[in-house]
Amino acid sequence: MDRPERLIRAFGNFDGDKSGRVNTEAMVTILTTLGSPLSEEEVKEFIADADEDGWIDYKKFVNTVVFGS
């Protein structure tokens, strides 16, 4: 399993309804506590770029972060 798949699977653990999205609160928790934690400022930048009405499509987010697309 490659890195993007592992990240998507990790986000999926926070996706209770399996919609492919997590709320920004869960995203903050994920990014500040798992793996190599990001600073609050880095998290705010990611969320500002990814926020869709308080929800983030985590597959799209992972692809943007990993591949820049």
Protein backbone atom coordinates (compact mmCIF):
# COMPACT_ATOMS: atom_id res chain seq x y z
CA MET A 1 0.00 0.00 0.00
CA ASP A 2 1.48 3.36 -1.01
CA ARG A 3 1.45 6.59 1.00
CA PRO A 4 -1.69 8.16 -0.56
CA GLU A 5 -3.67 4.97 0.06
CA ARG A 6 -2.48 4.85 3.69
CA LEU A 7 -3.48 8.48 4.20
CA ILE A 8 -6.90 7.95 2.64
CA ARG A 9 -7.44 4.89 4.82
CA ALA A 10 -6.42 6.88 7.93
CA PHE A 11 -8.88 9.65 7.07
CA GLY A 12 -11.54 7.01 6.45
CA ASN A 13 -11.35 6.06 10.12
CA PHE A 14 -12.80 9.50 10.91
CA ASP A 15 -15.49 9.27 8.22
CA GLY A 16 -18.39 7.81 10.19
CA ASP A 17 -20.93 7.95 7.36
CA LYS A 18 -18.44 6.86 4.67
CA SER A 19 -19.22 9.95 2.58
CA GLY A 20 -15.58 10.53 1.63
CA ARG A 21 -15.55 13.72 3.70
CA VAL A 22 -14.54 14.73 7.21
CA ASN A 23 -15.44 17.91 9.05
CA THR A 24 -12.82 20.53 9.69
CA GLU A 25 -12.73 19.68 13.40
CA ALA A 26 -11.72 16.09 12.62
CA MET A 27 -9.20 17.37 10.07
CA VAL A 28 -7.54 19.54 12.73
CA THR A 29 -7.32 16.53 15.06
CA ILE A 30 -5.85 14.33 12.34
CA LEU A 31 -3.26 16.83 11.17
CA THR A 32 -2.09 17.86 14.63
CA THR A 33 -1.89 14.43 16.27
CA LEU A 34 -1.11 11.71 13.72
CA GLY A 35 2.17 10.99 11.98
CA SER A 36 4.34 14.10 11.74
CA PRO A 37 2.05 16.66 13.35
CA LEU A 38 1.64 20.00 11.63
CA SER A 39 1.62 23.34 13.42
CA GLU A 40 -1.69 25.11 13.98
CA GLU A 41 -0.72 27.67 11.33
CA GLU A 42 0.00 24.95 8.75
CA VAL A 43 -3.32 23.29 9.55
CA LYS A 44 -5.20 26.58 9.12
CA GLU A 45 -3.61 27.03 5.70
CA PHE A 46 -4.59 23.52 4.60
CA ILE A 47 -8.14 23.90 5.86
CA ALA A 48 -8.58 27.34 4.30
CA ASP A 49 -7.62 25.82 0.95
CA ALA A 50 -9.71 22.67 1.33
CA ASP A 51 -12.82 23.74 3.28
CA GLU A 52 -16.10 23.01 1.52
CA ASP A 53 -18.90 24.24 3.80
CA GLY A 54 -17.14 22.89 6.88
CA TRP A 55 -16.39 19.54 5.24
CA ILE A 56 -13.30 18.34 3.43
CA ASP A 57 -13.16 15.72 0.68
CA TYR A 58 -10.18 13.82 2.05
CA LYS A 59 -9.33 11.91 -1.15
CA LYS A 60 -9.08 15.21 -3.00
CA PHE A 61 -7.13 16.69 -0.09
CA VAL A 62 -4.62 13.80 -0.07
CA ASN A 63 -4.12 14.05 -3.84
CA THR A 64 -3.51 17.79 -3.56
CA VAL A 65 -1.01 17.39 -0.74
CA VAL A 66 0.83 14.40 -2.20
CA PHE A 67 0.69 15.14 -5.92
CA GLY A 68 -0.02 18.88 -6.00
CA SER A 69 -3.15 18.36 -8.08
